[in-house]
Amino acid sequence: MQRVGDVKTFDHFIVPVPAGIDPGRYTTVIVWCETFGQFISAARYR
């Protein structure tokens, strides 16, 4: 697991992948609400 960045909206967001993270090593994206400690969504990556 690797934290990529913060999501500030629920409408059409793009989170840039920081240098040093290889997206090819991962198969799933998880959106987690840190404020409420809640799972929001997940999707298969590629």
C-alpha atoms as a PDB file:
ATOM      1  CA  MET A   1       0.000   0.000   0.000  1.00  0.00           C
ATOM      2  CA  GLN A   2       1.186   3.504  -0.805  1.00  0.00           C
ATOM      3  CA  ARG A   3      -0.430   6.835  -0.036  1.00  0.00           C
ATOM      4  CA  VAL A   4      -0.517   8.932  -3.199  1.00  0.00           C
ATOM      5  CA  GLY A   5      -2.277  12.149  -2.212  1.00  0.00           C
ATOM      6  CA  ASP A   6      -5.293  13.968  -0.877  1.00  0.00           C
ATOM      7  CA  VAL A   7      -8.676  14.194  -2.616  1.00  0.00           C
ATOM      8  CA  LYS A   8     -10.380  17.514  -1.955  1.00  0.00           C
ATOM      9  CA  THR A   9     -13.631  16.919  -3.868  1.00  0.00           C
ATOM     10  CA  PHE A  10     -16.085  14.171  -4.775  1.00  0.00           C
ATOM     11  CA  ASP A  11     -16.501  15.437  -8.348  1.00  0.00           C
ATOM     12  CA  HIS A  12     -14.082  14.514 -11.174  1.00  0.00           C
ATOM     13  CA  PHE A  13     -10.768  14.476  -9.327  1.00  0.00           C
ATOM     14  CA  ILE A  14      -7.270  13.572 -10.549  1.00  0.00           C
ATOM     15  CA  VAL A  15      -4.476  12.868  -8.077  1.00  0.00           C
ATOM     16  CA  PRO A  16      -0.962  13.109  -9.544  1.00  0.00           C
ATOM     17  CA  VAL A  17       1.333  10.176  -8.722  1.00  0.00           C
ATOM     18  CA  PRO A  18       4.461  11.424  -6.934  1.00  0.00           C
ATOM     19  CA  ALA A  19       7.897  10.642  -8.361  1.00  0.00           C
ATOM     20  CA  GLY A  20       9.283   7.450  -6.897  1.00  0.00           C
ATOM     21  CA  ILE A  21       5.978   5.558  -6.937  1.00  0.00           C
ATOM     22  CA  ASP A  22       5.724   2.911  -9.666  1.00  0.00           C
ATOM     23  CA  PRO A  23       1.997   2.489 -10.479  1.00  0.00           C
ATOM     24  CA  GLY A  24       2.804  -0.749 -12.291  1.00  0.00           C
ATOM     25  CA  ARG A  25       3.416  -2.414  -8.922  1.00  0.00           C
ATOM     26  CA  TYR A  26      -0.217  -1.972  -7.848  1.00  0.00           C
ATOM     27  CA  THR A  27      -3.548  -3.435  -8.958  1.00  0.00           C
ATOM     28  CA  THR A  28      -6.078  -1.555  -6.824  1.00  0.00           C
ATOM     29  CA  VAL A  29      -6.930   2.027  -5.866  1.00  0.00           C
ATOM     30  CA  ILE A  30      -8.580   2.730  -2.513  1.00  0.00           C
ATOM     31  CA  VAL A  31     -10.217   5.997  -1.477  1.00  0.00           C
ATOM     32  CA  TRP A  32     -10.222   6.420   2.319  1.00  0.00           C
ATOM     33  CA  CYS A  33     -11.644   9.288   4.382  1.00  0.00           C
ATOM     34  CA  GLU A  34      -8.979  10.161   6.930  1.00  0.00           C
ATOM     35  CA  THR A  35     -11.271  12.614   8.764  1.00  0.00           C
ATOM     36  CA  PHE A  36     -13.959  10.026   9.501  1.00  0.00           C
ATOM     37  CA  GLY A  37     -11.781   6.902   9.318  1.00  0.00           C
ATOM     38  CA  GLN A  38     -14.081   5.462   6.646  1.00  0.00           C
ATOM     39  CA  PHE A  39     -13.640   3.485   3.447  1.00  0.00           C
ATOM     40  CA  ILE A  40     -15.129   5.427   0.509  1.00  0.00           C
ATOM     41  CA  SER A  41     -14.477   3.357  -2.606  1.00  0.00           C
ATOM     42  CA  ALA A  42     -12.095   1.006  -4.412  1.00  0.00           C
ATOM     43  CA  ALA A  43     -11.411   0.125  -8.034  1.00  0.00           C
ATOM     44  CA  ARG A  44      -9.186  -2.218  -9.973  1.00  0.00           C
ATOM     45  CA  TYR A  45      -6.251  -0.373 -11.526  1.00  0.00           C
ATOM     46  CA  ARG A  46      -5.546  -1.465 -15.094  1.00  0.00           C
END
